[in-house]
């Protein structure tokens, strides 16, 4: 059986991309986490005050969004490794991982 060819007669082996299925999946997940307007606002807030750590209650109050919604979005950002959480007494305080954010933004630009 011969090599597969395009309709124009070119060998399909001439066509290749530099992104594997796994890499594409990882990039898509990274871009998807940035697609939420609420997560964008959280990122902007943490980016502006990156010299401080903010707790869920502070973020919720500033953005005027419920504690539960902020908590959900922060968990998504943690899963994507865009924020770090540090426990102090009974609260979690969040800080943006600026290096990870830069990587996610670059991935979004390359698509």
PDB file of N, CA and C in Angstrom:
ATOM      1  N   UNK A   1       0.821  -1.167   0.000  1.00  0.00           N
ATOM      2  CA  UNK A   1       0.000   0.000   0.000  1.00  0.00           C
ATOM      3  C   UNK A   1       0.874   1.241   0.000  1.00  0.00           C
ATOM      4  N   UNK A   2       0.541   2.197  -0.833  1.00  0.00           N
ATOM      5  CA  UNK A   2       1.358   3.393  -0.978  1.00  0.00           C
ATOM      6  C   UNK A   2       1.114   4.424   0.098  1.00  0.00           C
ATOM      7  N   UNK A   3       1.963   5.428   0.073  1.00  0.00           N
ATOM      8  CA  UNK A   3       1.865   6.517   1.040  1.00  0.00           C
ATOM      9  C   UNK A   3       0.630   7.365   0.748  1.00  0.00           C
ATOM     10  N   UNK A   4      -0.024   7.850   1.780  1.00  0.00           N
ATOM     11  CA  UNK A   4      -1.187   8.714   1.611  1.00  0.00           C
ATOM     12  C   UNK A   4      -0.751  10.050   1.032  1.00  0.00           C
ATOM     13  N   UNK A   5      -1.591  10.566   0.163  1.00  0.00           N
ATOM     14  CA  UNK A   5      -1.281  11.838  -0.492  1.00  0.00           C
ATOM     15  C   UNK A   5      -2.482  12.773  -0.398  1.00  0.00           C
ATOM     16  N   UNK A   6      -2.206  14.057  -0.593  1.00  0.00           N
ATOM     17  CA  UNK A   6      -3.279  15.049  -0.609  1.00  0.00           C
ATOM     18  C   UNK A   6      -4.004  14.973  -1.944  1.00  0.00           C
ATOM     19  N   UNK A   7      -5.054  15.739  -2.078  1.00  0.00           N
ATOM     20  CA  UNK A   7      -5.805  15.782  -3.336  1.00  0.00           C
ATOM     21  C   UNK A   7      -4.963  16.368  -4.461  1.00  0.00           C
ATOM     22  N   UNK A   8      -3.930  17.110  -4.102  1.00  0.00           N
ATOM     23  CA  UNK A   8      -3.041  17.680  -5.106  1.00  0.00           C
ATOM     24  C   UNK A   8      -1.852  16.767  -5.398  1.00  0.00           C
ATOM     25  N   UNK A   9      -1.814  15.609  -4.722  1.00  0.00           N
ATOM     26  CA  UNK A   9      -0.765  14.634  -4.980  1.00  0.00           C
ATOM     27  C   UNK A   9       0.462  14.744  -4.096  1.00  0.00           C
ATOM     28  N   UNK A  10       0.449  15.647  -3.127  1.00  0.00           N
ATOM     29  CA  UNK A  10       1.598  15.782  -2.236  1.00  0.00           C
ATOM     30  C   UNK A  10       1.525  14.725  -1.138  1.00  0.00           C
ATOM     31  N   UNK A  11       2.667  14.160  -0.728  1.00  0.00           N
ATOM     32  CA  UNK A  11       2.663  13.181   0.370  1.00  0.00           C
ATOM     33  C   UNK A  11       2.240  13.858   1.683  1.00  0.00           C
ATOM     34  N   UNK A  12       1.364  13.198   2.418  1.00  0.00           N
ATOM     35  CA  UNK A  12       0.914  13.745   3.692  1.00  0.00           C
ATOM     36  C   UNK A  12       2.049  13.831   4.713  1.00  0.00           C
ATOM     37  N   UNK A  13       3.080  13.056   4.513  1.00  0.00           N
ATOM     38  CA  UNK A  13       4.224  13.107   5.429  1.00  0.00           C
ATOM     39  C   UNK A  13       4.938  14.461   5.363  1.00  0.00           C
ATOM     40  N   UNK A  14       4.675  15.260   4.333  1.00  0.00           N
ATOM     41  CA  UNK A  14       5.268  16.598   4.222  1.00  0.00           C
ATOM     42  C   UNK A  14       4.620  17.588   5.185  1.00  0.00           C
ATOM     43  N   UNK A  15       3.454  17.228   5.727  1.00  0.00           N
ATOM     44  CA  UNK A  15       2.712  18.130   6.599  1.00  0.00           C
ATOM     45  C   UNK A  15       2.904  17.706   8.053  1.00  0.00           C
ATOM     46  N   UNK A  16       3.349  18.641   8.867  1.00  0.00           N
ATOM     47  CA  UNK A  16       3.571  18.354  10.282  1.00  0.00           C
ATOM     48  C   UNK A  16       3.363  19.626  11.089  1.00  0.00           C
ATOM     49  N   UNK A  17       3.039  19.462  12.347  1.00  0.00           N
ATOM     50  CA  UNK A  17       2.950  20.593  13.265  1.00  0.00           C
ATOM     51  C   UNK A  17       3.860  20.312  14.450  1.00  0.00           C
ATOM     52  N   UNK A  18       4.259  21.366  15.121  1.00  0.00           N
ATOM     53  CA  UNK A  18       5.214  21.235  16.224  1.00  0.00           C
ATOM     54  C   UNK A  18       4.526  21.107  17.577  1.00  0.00           C
ATOM     55  N   UNK A  19       3.253  20.741  17.583  1.00  0.00           N
ATOM     56  CA  UNK A  19       2.509  20.614  18.833  1.00  0.00           C
ATOM     57  C   UNK A  19       1.889  19.228  18.889  1.00  0.00           C
ATOM     58  N   UNK A  20       2.239  18.477  19.933  1.00  0.00           N
ATOM     59  CA  UNK A  20       1.660  17.150  20.108  1.00  0.00           C
ATOM     60  C   UNK A  20       0.234  17.282  20.638  1.00  0.00           C
ATOM     61  N   UNK A  21      -0.511  16.181  20.650  1.00  0.00           N
ATOM     62  CA  UNK A  21      -1.870  16.201  21.192  1.00  0.00           C
ATOM     63  C   UNK A  21      -1.860  16.596  22.661  1.00  0.00           C
ATOM     64  N   UNK A  22      -0.906  16.052  23.421  1.00  0.00           N
ATOM     65  CA  UNK A  22      -0.812  16.376  24.848  1.00  0.00           C
ATOM     66  C   UNK A  22      -0.470  17.848  25.071  1.00  0.00           C
ATOM     67  N   UNK A  23       0.454  18.370  24.267  1.00  0.00           N
ATOM     68  CA  UNK A  23       0.812  19.785  24.385  1.00  0.00           C
ATOM     69  C   UNK A  23      -0.379  20.674  24.049  1.00  0.00           C
ATOM     70  N   UNK A  24      -1.119  20.319  23.024  1.00  0.00           N
ATOM     71  CA  UNK A  24      -2.293  21.095  22.630  1.00  0.00           C
ATOM     72  C   UNK A  24      -3.351  21.069  23.724  1.00  0.00           C
ATOM     73  N   UNK A  25      -3.537  19.903  24.350  1.00  0.00           N
ATOM     74  CA  UNK A  25      -4.510  19.784  25.433  1.00  0.00           C
ATOM     75  C   UNK A  25      -4.107  20.668  26.607  1.00  0.00           C
ATOM     76  N   UNK A  26      -2.834  20.650  26.967  1.00  0.00           N
ATOM     77  CA  UNK A  26      -2.339  21.465  28.069  1.00  0.00           C
ATOM     78  C   UNK A  26      -2.505  22.955  27.766  1.00  0.00           C
ATOM     79  N   UNK A  27      -2.182  23.356  26.542  1.00  0.00           N
ATOM     80  CA  UNK A  27      -2.338  24.753  26.148  1.00  0.00           C
ATOM     81  C   UNK A  27      -3.806  25.169  26.177  1.00  0.00           C
ATOM     82  N   UNK A  28      -4.685  24.319  25.694  1.00  0.00           N
ATOM     83  CA  UNK A  28      -6.112  24.631  25.672  1.00  0.00           C
ATOM     84  C   UNK A  28      -6.654  24.800  27.087  1.00  0.00           C
ATOM     85  N   UNK A  29      -6.221  23.952  28.001  1.00  0.00           N
ATOM     86  CA  UNK A  29      -6.661  24.075  29.393  1.00  0.00           C
ATOM     87  C   UNK A  29      -6.140  25.367  30.011  1.00  0.00           C
ATOM     88  N   UNK A  30      -4.918  25.716  29.688  1.00  0.00           N
ATOM     89  CA  UNK A  30      -4.339  26.954  30.212  1.00  0.00           C
ATOM     90  C   UNK A  30      -5.056  28.184  29.698  1.00  0.00           C
ATOM     91  N   UNK A  31      -5.413  28.172  28.447  1.00  0.00           N
ATOM     92  CA  UNK A  31      -6.136  29.293  27.859  1.00  0.00           C
ATOM     93  C   UNK A  31      -7.559  29.347  28.405  1.00  0.00           C
ATOM     94  N   UNK A  32      -8.178  28.195  28.591  1.00  0.00           N
ATOM     95  CA  UNK A  32      -9.558  28.142  29.088  1.00  0.00           C
ATOM     96  C   UNK A  32      -9.669  28.764  30.471  1.00  0.00           C
ATOM     97  N   UNK A  33      -8.687  28.536  31.322  1.00  0.00           N
ATOM     98  CA  UNK A  33      -8.745  29.090  32.680  1.00  0.00           C
ATOM     99  C   UNK A  33      -8.700  30.615  32.640  1.00  0.00           C
ATOM    100  N   UNK A  34      -8.093  31.169  31.621  1.00  0.00           N
ATOM    101  CA  UNK A  34      -8.012  32.624  31.492  1.00  0.00           C
ATOM    102  C   UNK A  34      -9.270  33.211  30.842  1.00  0.00           C
ATOM    103  N   UNK A  35     -10.162  32.363  30.362  1.00  0.00           N
ATOM    104  CA  UNK A  35     -11.330  32.814  29.616  1.00  0.00           C
ATOM    105  C   UNK A  35     -12.476  33.351  30.443  1.00  0.00           C
ATOM    106  N   UNK A  36     -12.441  33.156  31.741  1.00  0.00           N
ATOM    107  CA  UNK A  36     -13.522  33.617  32.605  1.00  0.00           C
ATOM    108  C   UNK A  36     -13.330  35.087  32.987  1.00  0.00           C
ATOM    109  N   UNK A  37     -14.354  35.915  32.805  1.00  0.00           N
ATOM    110  CA  UNK A  37     -14.239  37.324  33.222  1.00  0.00           C
ATOM    111  C   UNK A  37     -13.957  37.473  34.719  1.00  0.00           C
ATOM    112  N   UNK A  38     -14.548  36.622  35.532  1.00  0.00           N
ATOM    113  CA  UNK A  38     -14.299  36.697  36.976  1.00  0.00           C
ATOM    114  C   UNK A  38     -12.851  36.363  37.280  1.00  0.00           C
ATOM    115  N   UNK A  39     -12.319  35.327  36.647  1.00  0.00           N
ATOM    116  CA  UNK A  39     -10.910  34.970  36.882  1.00  0.00           C
ATOM    117  C   UNK A  39      -9.990  36.065  36.369  1.00  0.00           C
ATOM    118  N   UNK A  40     -10.374  36.721  35.274  1.00  0.00           N
ATOM    119  CA  UNK A  40      -9.577  37.847  34.774  1.00  0.00           C
ATOM    120  C   UNK A  40      -9.522  38.963  35.808  1.00  0.00           C
ATOM    121  N   UNK A  41     -10.644  39.241  36.455  1.00  0.00           N
ATOM    122  CA  UNK A  41     -10.694  40.291  37.473  1.00  0.00           C
ATOM    123  C   UNK A  41      -9.868  39.895  38.697  1.00  0.00           C
ATOM    124  N   UNK A  42      -9.940  38.632  39.090  1.00  0.00           N
ATOM    125  CA  UNK A  42      -9.135  38.158  40.222  1.00  0.00           C
ATOM    126  C   UNK A  42      -7.653  38.301  39.893  1.00  0.00           C
ATOM    127  N   UNK A  43      -7.275  37.884  38.705  1.00  0.00           N
ATOM    128  CA  UNK A  43      -5.874  37.983  38.281  1.00  0.00           C
ATOM    129  C   UNK A  43      -5.419  39.434  38.298  1.00  0.00           C
ATOM    130  N   UNK A  44      -6.236  40.333  37.758  1.00  0.00           N
ATOM    131  CA  UNK A  44      -5.864  41.757  37.724  1.00  0.00           C
ATOM    132  C   UNK A  44      -5.704  42.320  39.137  1.00  0.00           C
ATOM    133  N   UNK A  45      -6.595  41.932  40.037  1.00  0.00           N
ATOM    134  CA  UNK A  45      -6.505  42.390  41.425  1.00  0.00           C
ATOM    135  C   UNK A  45      -5.231  41.879  42.079  1.00  0.00           C
ATOM    136  N   UNK A  46      -4.971  40.585  41.949  1.00  0.00           N
ATOM    137  CA  UNK A  46      -3.767  40.014  42.554  1.00  0.00           C
ATOM    138  C   UNK A  46      -2.502  40.544  41.890  1.00  0.00           C
ATOM    139  N   UNK A  47      -2.596  40.849  40.602  1.00  0.00           N
ATOM    140  CA  UNK A  47      -1.444  41.398  39.887  1.00  0.00           C
ATOM    141  C   UNK A  47      -1.135  42.817  40.391  1.00  0.00           C
ATOM    142  N   UNK A  48      -2.186  43.606  40.589  1.00  0.00           N
ATOM    143  CA  UNK A  48      -2.001  44.981  41.060  1.00  0.00           C
ATOM    144  C   UNK A  48      -1.413  45.021  42.460  1.00  0.00           C
ATOM    145  N   UNK A  49      -1.834  44.104  43.314  1.00  0.00           N
ATOM    146  CA  UNK A  49      -1.366  44.076  44.703  1.00  0.00           C
ATOM    147  C   UNK A  49      -0.502  42.850  44.961  1.00  0.00           C
ATOM    148  N   UNK A  50       0.408  42.566  44.049  1.00  0.00           N
ATOM    149  CA  UNK A  50       1.217  41.358  44.127  1.00  0.00           C
ATOM    150  C   UNK A  50       2.202  41.376  45.295  1.00  0.00           C
ATOM    151  N   UNK A  51       2.417  42.547  45.879  1.00  0.00           N
ATOM    152  CA  UNK A  51       3.307  42.609  47.044  1.00  0.00           C
ATOM    153  C   UNK A  51       2.591  42.170  48.324  1.00  0.00           C
ATOM    154  N   UNK A  52       1.277  41.880  48.217  1.00  0.00           N
ATOM    155  CA  UNK A  52       0.474  41.447  49.361  1.00  0.00           C
ATOM    156  C   UNK A  52      -0.208  40.126  49.043  1.00  0.00           C
ATOM    157  N   UNK A  53      -0.642  39.465  50.091  1.00  0.00           N
ATOM    158  CA  UNK A  53      -1.491  38.281  49.934  1.00  0.00           C
ATOM    159  C   UNK A  53      -2.900  38.690  50.336  1.00  0.00           C
ATOM    160  N   UNK A  54      -3.890  38.258  49.570  1.00  0.00           N
ATOM    161  CA  UNK A  54      -5.277  38.604  49.861  1.00  0.00           C
ATOM    162  C   UNK A  54      -6.075  37.349  50.165  1.00  0.00           C
ATOM    163  N   UNK A  55      -6.971  37.440  51.148  1.00  0.00           N
ATOM    164  CA  UNK A  55      -7.808  36.287  51.462  1.00  0.00           C
ATOM    165  C   UNK A  55      -9.079  36.329  50.611  1.00  0.00           C
ATOM    166  N   UNK A  56      -9.797  35.228  50.584  1.00  0.00           N
ATOM    167  CA  UNK A  56     -11.005  35.098  49.778  1.00  0.00           C
ATOM    168  C   UNK A  56     -11.999  36.200  50.109  1.00  0.00           C
ATOM    169  N   UNK A  57     -12.169  36.494  51.389  1.00  0.00           N
ATOM    170  CA  UNK A  57     -13.138  37.511  51.808  1.00  0.00           C
ATOM    171  C   UNK A  57     -12.772  38.889  51.262  1.00  0.00           C
ATOM    172  N   UNK A  58     -11.490  39.214  51.289  1.00  0.00           N
ATOM    173  CA  UNK A  58     -11.043  40.511  50.761  1.00  0.00           C
ATOM    174  C   UNK A  58     -11.289  40.594  49.260  1.00  0.00           C
ATOM    175  N   UNK A  59     -10.947  39.533  48.553  1.00  0.00           N
ATOM    176  CA  UNK A  59     -11.144  39.506  47.102  1.00  0.00           C
ATOM    177  C   UNK A  59     -12.630  39.616  46.777  1.00  0.00           C
ATOM    178  N   UNK A  60     -13.450  38.857  47.500  1.00  0.00           N
ATOM    179  CA  UNK A  60     -14.899  38.870  47.262  1.00  0.00           C
ATOM    180  C   UNK A  60     -15.475  40.261  47.492  1.00  0.00           C
ATOM    181  N   UNK A  61     -15.035  40.913  48.549  1.00  0.00           N
ATOM    182  CA  UNK A  61     -15.570  42.243  48.852  1.00  0.00           C
ATOM    183  C   UNK A  61     -15.147  43.268  47.813  1.00  0.00           C
ATOM    184  N   UNK A  62     -13.886  43.261  47.417  1.00  0.00           N
ATOM    185  CA  UNK A  62     -13.398  44.223  46.423  1.00  0.00           C
ATOM    186  C   UNK A  62     -14.113  44.023  45.089  1.00  0.00           C
ATOM    187  N   UNK A  63     -14.286  42.778  44.667  1.00  0.00           N
ATOM    188  CA  UNK A  63     -14.896  42.499  43.366  1.00  0.00           C
ATOM    189  C   UNK A  63     -16.426  42.439  43.414  1.00  0.00           C
ATOM    190  N   UNK A  64     -16.969  42.530  44.623  1.00  0.00           N
ATOM    191  CA  UNK A  64     -18.420  42.489  44.825  1.00  0.00           C
ATOM    192  C   UNK A  64     -19.041  41.228  44.228  1.00  0.00           C
ATOM    193  N   UNK A  65     -18.420  40.110  44.573  1.00  0.00           N
ATOM    194  CA  UNK A  65     -18.854  38.782  44.131  1.00  0.00           C
ATOM    195  C   UNK A  65     -18.914  37.905  45.372  1.00  0.00           C
ATOM    196  N   UNK A  66     -19.814  36.944  45.383  1.00  0.00           N
ATOM    197  CA  UNK A  66     -19.980  36.107  46.576  1.00  0.00           C
ATOM    198  C   UNK A  66     -18.699  35.344  46.913  1.00  0.00           C
ATOM    199  N   UNK A  67     -18.584  35.055  48.201  1.00  0.00           N
ATOM    200  CA  UNK A  67     -17.441  34.291  48.697  1.00  0.00           C
ATOM    201  C   UNK A  67     -17.337  32.949  47.981  1.00  0.00           C
ATOM    202  N   UNK A  68     -18.483  32.265  47.815  1.00  0.00           N
ATOM    203  CA  UNK A  68     -18.492  30.950  47.172  1.00  0.00           C
ATOM    204  C   UNK A  68     -17.991  31.003  45.740  1.00  0.00           C
ATOM    205  N   UNK A  69     -18.417  32.016  44.999  1.00  0.00           N
ATOM    206  CA  UNK A  69     -17.975  32.153  43.601  1.00  0.00           C
ATOM    207  C   UNK A  69     -16.480  32.431  43.535  1.00  0.00           C
ATOM    208  N   UNK A  70     -15.997  33.310  44.398  1.00  0.00           N
ATOM    209  CA  UNK A  70     -14.559  33.621  44.410  1.00  0.00           C
ATOM    210  C   UNK A  70     -13.761  32.387  44.781  1.00  0.00           C
ATOM    211  N   UNK A  71     -14.244  31.648  45.760  1.00  0.00           N
ATOM    212  CA  UNK A  71     -13.566  30.431  46.191  1.00  0.00           C
ATOM    213  C   UNK A  71     -13.456  29.434  45.041  1.00  0.00           C
ATOM    214  N   UNK A  72     -14.547  29.274  44.280  1.00  0.00           N
ATOM    215  CA  UNK A  72     -14.537  28.370  43.128  1.00  0.00           C
ATOM    216  C   UNK A  72     -13.494  28.819  42.097  1.00  0.00           C
ATOM    217  N   UNK A  73     -13.503  30.087  41.750  1.00  0.00           N
ATOM    218  CA  UNK A  73     -12.572  30.586  40.730  1.00  0.00           C
ATOM    219  C   UNK A  73     -11.127  30.509  41.210  1.00  0.00           C
ATOM    220  N   UNK A  74     -10.898  30.756  42.488  1.00  0.00           N
ATOM    221  CA  UNK A  74      -9.542  30.615  43.015  1.00  0.00           C
ATOM    222  C   UNK A  74      -9.081  29.163  42.958  1.00  0.00           C
ATOM    223  N   UNK A  75      -9.987  28.222  43.170  1.00  0.00           N
ATOM    224  CA  UNK A  75      -9.592  26.815  43.069  1.00  0.00           C
ATOM    225  C   UNK A  75      -9.196  26.468  41.638  1.00  0.00           C
ATOM    226  N   UNK A  76      -9.891  27.050  40.667  1.00  0.00           N
ATOM    227  CA  UNK A  76      -9.520  26.838  39.264  1.00  0.00           C
ATOM    228  C   UNK A  76      -8.146  27.443  38.970  1.00  0.00           C
ATOM    229  N   UNK A  77      -7.898  28.611  39.509  1.00  0.00           N
ATOM    230  CA  UNK A  77      -6.599  29.254  39.318  1.00  0.00           C
ATOM    231  C   UNK A  77      -5.489  28.494  40.037  1.00  0.00           C
ATOM    232  N   UNK A  78      -5.792  27.921  41.187  1.00  0.00           N
ATOM    233  CA  UNK A  78      -4.799  27.094  41.889  1.00  0.00           C
ATOM    234  C   UNK A  78      -4.478  25.842  41.087  1.00  0.00           C
ATOM    235  N   UNK A  79      -5.520  25.221  40.549  1.00  0.00           N
ATOM    236  CA  UNK A  79      -5.324  24.011  39.747  1.00  0.00           C
ATOM    237  C   UNK A  79      -4.432  24.305  38.532  1.00  0.00           C
ATOM    238  N   UNK A  80      -4.585  25.484  37.963  1.00  0.00           N
ATOM    239  CA  UNK A  80      -3.757  25.894  36.825  1.00  0.00           C
ATOM    240  C   UNK A  80      -2.402  26.436  37.277  1.00  0.00           C
ATOM    241  N   UNK A  81      -2.184  26.451  38.585  1.00  0.00           N
ATOM    242  CA  UNK A  81      -0.932  26.934  39.193  1.00  0.00           C
ATOM    243  C   UNK A  81      -0.673  28.415  38.910  1.00  0.00           C
ATOM    244  N   UNK A  82      -1.753  29.177  38.793  1.00  0.00           N
ATOM    245  CA  UNK A  82      -1.619  30.619  38.585  1.00  0.00           C
ATOM    246  C   UNK A  82      -1.580  31.389  39.899  1.00  0.00           C
ATOM    247  N   UNK A  83      -2.072  30.778  40.964  1.00  0.00           N
ATOM    248  CA  UNK A  83      -2.002  31.407  42.284  1.00  0.00           C
ATOM    249  C   UNK A  83      -1.475  30.400  43.301  1.00  0.00           C
ATOM    250  N   UNK A  84      -0.884  30.942  44.341  1.00  0.00           N
ATOM    251  CA  UNK A  84      -0.421  30.141  45.471  1.00  0.00           C
ATOM    252  C   UNK A  84      -1.271  30.521  46.677  1.00  0.00           C
ATOM    253  N   UNK A  85      -1.565  29.552  47.487  1.00  0.00           N
ATOM    254  CA  UNK A  85      -2.321  29.801  48.708  1.00  0.00           C
ATOM    255  C   UNK A  85      -1.445  29.505  49.910  1.00  0.00           C
ATOM    256  N   UNK A  86      -1.576  30.345  50.907  1.00  0.00           N
ATOM    257  CA  UNK A  86      -0.833  30.152  52.150  1.00  0.00           C
ATOM    258  C   UNK A  86      -1.817  30.284  53.308  1.00  0.00           C
ATOM    259  N   UNK A  87      -1.838  29.309  54.176  1.00  0.00           N
ATOM    260  CA  UNK A  87      -2.767  29.335  55.311  1.00  0.00           C
ATOM    261  C   UNK A  87      -2.149  30.138  56.454  1.00  0.00           C
ATOM    262  N   UNK A  88      -2.952  31.046  56.973  1.00  0.00           N
ATOM    263  CA  UNK A  88      -2.582  31.777  58.166  1.00  0.00           C
ATOM    264  C   UNK A  88      -3.779  31.742  59.099  1.00  0.00           C
ATOM    265  N   UNK A  89      -3.602  31.080  60.227  1.00  0.00           N
ATOM    266  CA  UNK A  89      -4.689  30.805  61.163  1.00  0.00           C
ATOM    267  C   UNK A  89      -5.799  30.070  60.421  1.00  0.00           C
ATOM    268  N   UNK A  90      -7.000  30.633  60.339  1.00  0.00           N
ATOM    269  CA  UNK A  90      -8.080  29.895  59.684  1.00  0.00           C
ATOM    270  C   UNK A  90      -8.375  30.366  58.264  1.00  0.00           C
ATOM    271  N   UNK A  91      -7.523  31.206  57.704  1.00  0.00           N
ATOM    272  CA  UNK A  91      -7.774  31.761  56.374  1.00  0.00           C
ATOM    273  C   UNK A  91      -6.685  31.347  55.388  1.00  0.00           C
ATOM    274  N   UNK A  92      -7.082  31.253  54.123  1.00  0.00           N
ATOM    275  CA  UNK A  92      -6.122  31.060  53.040  1.00  0.00           C
ATOM    276  C   UNK A  92      -5.876  32.416  52.395  1.00  0.00           C
ATOM    277  N   UNK A  93      -4.626  32.732  52.206  1.00  0.00           N
ATOM    278  CA  UNK A  93      -4.253  33.978  51.543  1.00  0.00           C
ATOM    279  C   UNK A  93      -3.626  33.630  50.199  1.00  0.00           C
ATOM    280  N   UNK A  94      -4.013  34.377  49.185  1.00  0.00           N
ATOM    281  CA  UNK A  94      -3.613  34.064  47.817  1.00  0.00           C
ATOM    282  C   UNK A  94      -2.663  35.109  47.265  1.00  0.00           C
ATOM    283  N   UNK A  95      -1.745  34.615  46.437  1.00  0.00           N
ATOM    284  CA  UNK A  95      -0.817  35.480  45.730  1.00  0.00           C
ATOM    285  C   UNK A  95      -0.643  34.936  44.322  1.00  0.00           C
ATOM    286  N   UNK A  96      -0.529  35.838  43.380  1.00  0.00           N
ATOM    287  CA  UNK A  96      -0.386  35.476  41.977  1.00  0.00           C
ATOM    288  C   UNK A  96       1.012  34.938  41.699  1.00  0.00           C
ATOM    289  N   UNK A  97       1.080  33.899  40.879  1.00  0.00           N
ATOM    290  CA  UNK A  97       2.371  33.400  40.398  1.00  0.00           C
ATOM    291  C   UNK A  97       2.619  34.091  39.058  1.00  0.00           C
ATOM    292  N   UNK A  98       3.358  35.177  39.094  1.00  0.00           N
ATOM    293  CA  UNK A  98       3.531  36.007  37.896  1.00  0.00           C
ATOM    294  C   UNK A  98       4.271  35.272  36.780  1.00  0.00           C
ATOM    295  N   UNK A  99       5.169  34.396  37.140  1.00  0.00           N
ATOM    296  CA  UNK A  99       5.904  33.640  36.120  1.00  0.00           C
ATOM    297  C   UNK A  99       4.967  32.677  35.385  1.00  0.00           C
ATOM    298  N   UNK A 100       4.115  32.008  36.139  1.00  0.00           N
ATOM    299  CA  UNK A 100       3.141  31.100  35.538  1.00  0.00           C
ATOM    300  C   UNK A 100       2.142  31.867  34.679  1.00  0.00           C
ATOM    301  N   UNK A 101       1.723  33.039  35.148  1.00  0.00           N
ATOM    302  CA  UNK A 101       0.801  33.865  34.365  1.00  0.00           C
ATOM    303  C   UNK A 101       1.433  34.270  33.041  1.00  0.00           C
ATOM    304  N   UNK A 102       2.700  34.637  33.058  1.00  0.00           N
ATOM    305  CA  UNK A 102       3.394  35.009  31.825  1.00  0.00           C
ATOM    306  C   UNK A 102       3.428  33.832  30.849  1.00  0.00           C
ATOM    307  N   UNK A 103       3.642  32.630  31.365  1.00  0.00           N
ATOM    308  CA  UNK A 103       3.648  31.431  30.531  1.00  0.00           C
ATOM    309  C   UNK A 103       2.274  31.194  29.916  1.00  0.00           C
ATOM    310  N   UNK A 104       1.211  31.336  30.720  1.00  0.00           N
ATOM    311  CA  UNK A 104      -0.153  31.160  30.207  1.00  0.00           C
ATOM    312  C   UNK A 104      -0.495  32.208  29.146  1.00  0.00           C
ATOM    313  N   UNK A 105      -0.088  33.440  29.393  1.00  0.00           N
ATOM    314  CA  UNK A 105      -0.367  34.509  28.422  1.00  0.00           C
ATOM    315  C   UNK A 105       0.380  34.254  27.110  1.00  0.00           C
ATOM    316  N   UNK A 106       1.598  33.791  27.223  1.00  0.00           N
ATOM    317  CA  UNK A 106       2.379  33.496  26.000  1.00  0.00           C
ATOM    318  C   UNK A 106       1.739  32.363  25.235  1.00  0.00           C
ATOM    319  N   UNK A 107       1.259  31.335  25.934  1.00  0.00           N
ATOM    320  CA  UNK A 107       0.576  30.222  25.275  1.00  0.00           C
ATOM    321  C   UNK A 107      -0.672  30.718  24.549  1.00  0.00           C
ATOM    322  N   UNK A 108      -1.400  31.639  25.167  1.00  0.00           N
ATOM    323  CA  UNK A 108      -2.605  32.198  24.544  1.00  0.00           C
ATOM    324  C   UNK A 108      -2.255  32.975  23.282  1.00  0.00           C
ATOM    325  N   UNK A 109      -1.116  33.664  23.305  1.00  0.00           N
ATOM    326  CA  UNK A 109      -0.694  34.441  22.122  1.00  0.00           C
ATOM    327  C   UNK A 109      -0.265  33.555  20.953  1.00  0.00           C
ATOM    328  N   UNK A 110       0.244  32.373  21.265  1.00  0.00           N
ATOM    329  CA  UNK A 110       0.785  31.516  20.209  1.00  0.00           C
ATOM    330  C   UNK A 110      -0.281  30.689  19.498  1.00  0.00           C
ATOM    331  N   UNK A 111      -1.488  30.739  19.999  1.00  0.00           N
ATOM    332  CA  UNK A 111      -2.557  29.950  19.355  1.00  0.00           C
ATOM    333  C   UNK A 111      -3.095  30.687  18.165  1.00  0.00           C
TER     334      UNK A 111
END
